[in-house]
Protein backbone atom coordinates (compact mmCIF):
# COMPACT_ATOMS: atom_id res chain seq x y z
CA MET A 1 33.19 14.98 1.02
CA LYS A 2 30.20 13.32 2.72
CA ALA A 3 28.72 10.31 0.96
CA LEU A 4 25.19 10.75 -0.34
CA THR A 5 22.79 8.28 1.23
CA LEU A 6 19.61 7.01 -0.39
CA THR A 7 17.58 8.95 2.16
CA ASP A 8 19.50 12.14 1.31
CA TYR A 9 18.94 11.54 -2.41
CA ILE A 10 15.20 10.96 -1.94
CA GLN A 11 14.76 14.02 0.28
CA GLU A 12 16.72 16.21 -2.14
CA ASN A 13 14.61 15.06 -5.09
CA ILE A 14 11.32 15.40 -3.18
CA GLN A 15 12.18 19.02 -2.42
CA HIS A 16 13.25 19.99 -5.93
CA ASP A 17 11.34 17.74 -8.33
CA ASN A 18 7.54 17.76 -8.11
CA GLU A 19 7.15 14.83 -10.51
CA PHE A 20 9.57 12.75 -8.43
CA ALA A 21 7.75 13.72 -5.22
CA THR A 22 4.37 12.76 -6.67
CA HIS A 23 5.65 9.41 -7.92
CA TYR A 24 7.46 8.72 -4.64
CA ASP A 25 4.32 9.47 -2.59
CA ARG A 26 2.23 7.17 -4.79
CA GLU A 27 4.70 4.29 -4.51
CA LYS A 28 4.99 4.83 -0.76
CA LEU A 29 1.18 4.62 -0.42
CA ILE A 30 1.07 1.41 -2.48
CA ASN A 31 3.76 -0.08 -0.25
CA GLU A 32 2.02 0.97 2.97
CA ILE A 33 -1.25 -0.60 1.80
CA ALA A 34 0.57 -3.80 0.85
CA VAL A 35 2.25 -4.05 4.26
CA MET A 36 -1.01 -3.33 6.14
CA ILE A 37 -2.97 -5.98 4.25
CA THR A 38 -0.22 -8.61 4.44
CA SER A 39 0.22 -8.03 8.18
CA ALA A 40 -3.51 -8.17 8.91
CA ARG A 41 -3.94 -11.30 6.80
CA LYS A 42 -1.11 -13.08 8.59
CA GLU A 43 -2.38 -11.94 12.02
CA HIS A 44 -5.73 -13.52 11.11
CA HIS A 45 -3.99 -16.73 9.96
CA MET A 46 -5.55 -16.44 6.54
CA THR A 47 -4.11 -17.38 3.16
CA GLN A 48 -4.37 -15.11 0.15
CA ALA A 49 -6.87 -17.56 -1.36
CA GLU A 50 -9.03 -17.47 1.78
CA LEU A 51 -9.02 -13.67 1.84
CA ALA A 52 -9.84 -13.53 -1.86
CA LYS A 53 -12.80 -15.87 -1.39
CA LYS A 54 -14.12 -13.77 1.53
CA ILE A 55 -14.12 -10.59 -0.54
CA GLY A 56 -15.22 -12.14 -3.83
CA THR A 57 -12.07 -11.87 -5.90
CA LYS A 58 -9.17 -14.03 -7.08
CA GLN A 59 -6.03 -14.94 -5.13
CA SER A 60 -3.95 -13.28 -7.85
CA VAL A 61 -5.60 -9.93 -7.04
CA ILE A 62 -4.62 -10.25 -3.38
CA SER A 63 -1.10 -11.24 -4.44
CA ARG A 64 -0.76 -8.16 -6.69
CA ILE A 65 -2.02 -5.88 -3.92
CA GLU A 66 0.36 -7.39 -1.35
CA ASN A 67 3.33 -7.28 -3.70
CA GLY A 68 2.63 -3.79 -5.00
CA ARG A 69 2.95 -5.08 -8.55
CA GLY A 70 1.51 -3.02 -11.33
CA SER A 71 1.43 0.14 -9.22
CA ILE A 72 -2.30 -0.27 -8.76
CA ILE A 73 -3.87 1.31 -5.69
CA PRO A 74 -6.83 -0.82 -4.57
CA SER A 75 -10.22 0.89 -4.69
CA ILE A 76 -11.87 2.14 -1.52
CA GLU A 77 -14.50 -0.57 -2.04
CA THR A 78 -11.84 -3.30 -2.14
CA LEU A 79 -10.09 -1.91 0.95
CA ALA A 80 -13.41 -1.76 2.81
CA LYS A 81 -14.17 -5.39 1.87
CA ILE A 82 -10.73 -6.44 3.10
CA GLY A 83 -11.31 -4.58 6.35
CA THR A 84 -14.66 -6.31 6.79
CA ALA A 85 -13.00 -9.69 6.16
CA PHE A 86 -10.71 -8.96 9.12
CA ASN A 87 -13.53 -7.46 11.21
CA MET A 88 -11.76 -4.10 10.99
CA SER A 89 -12.90 -0.67 9.84
CA LEU A 90 -11.21 1.47 7.22
CA HIS A 91 -10.09 5.01 8.14
CA LEU A 92 -8.84 7.53 5.59
CA LYS A 93 -7.50 11.03 6.14
CA PHE A 94 -6.04 13.91 4.22
CA GLN A 95 -2.85 15.53 5.48
CA GLU A 96 -0.59 18.32 4.35
CA ALA A 97 1.73 17.43 1.48
CA HIS A 98 5.48 17.97 1.63
């Protein structure tokens, strides 16, 4: 019998459990945002405190966003401010769900 991998388990549950799929997609989005912001901040040689000051918030907010803690998706306004701080633009798109 073939061992079940984590990827297999996730794909199986995404296909058969709508609640799991919705939660998985949300967590994946939170993680992708965290990675994008952390990478951009480091590429710009900026600390969390410096980024927070540039966008008018606290360092703890940047930390929560970068760590994905609390499962909070930053607002479009916050993401736009972060983009501006890096001299970058924000692009959003809709795509077909699973």
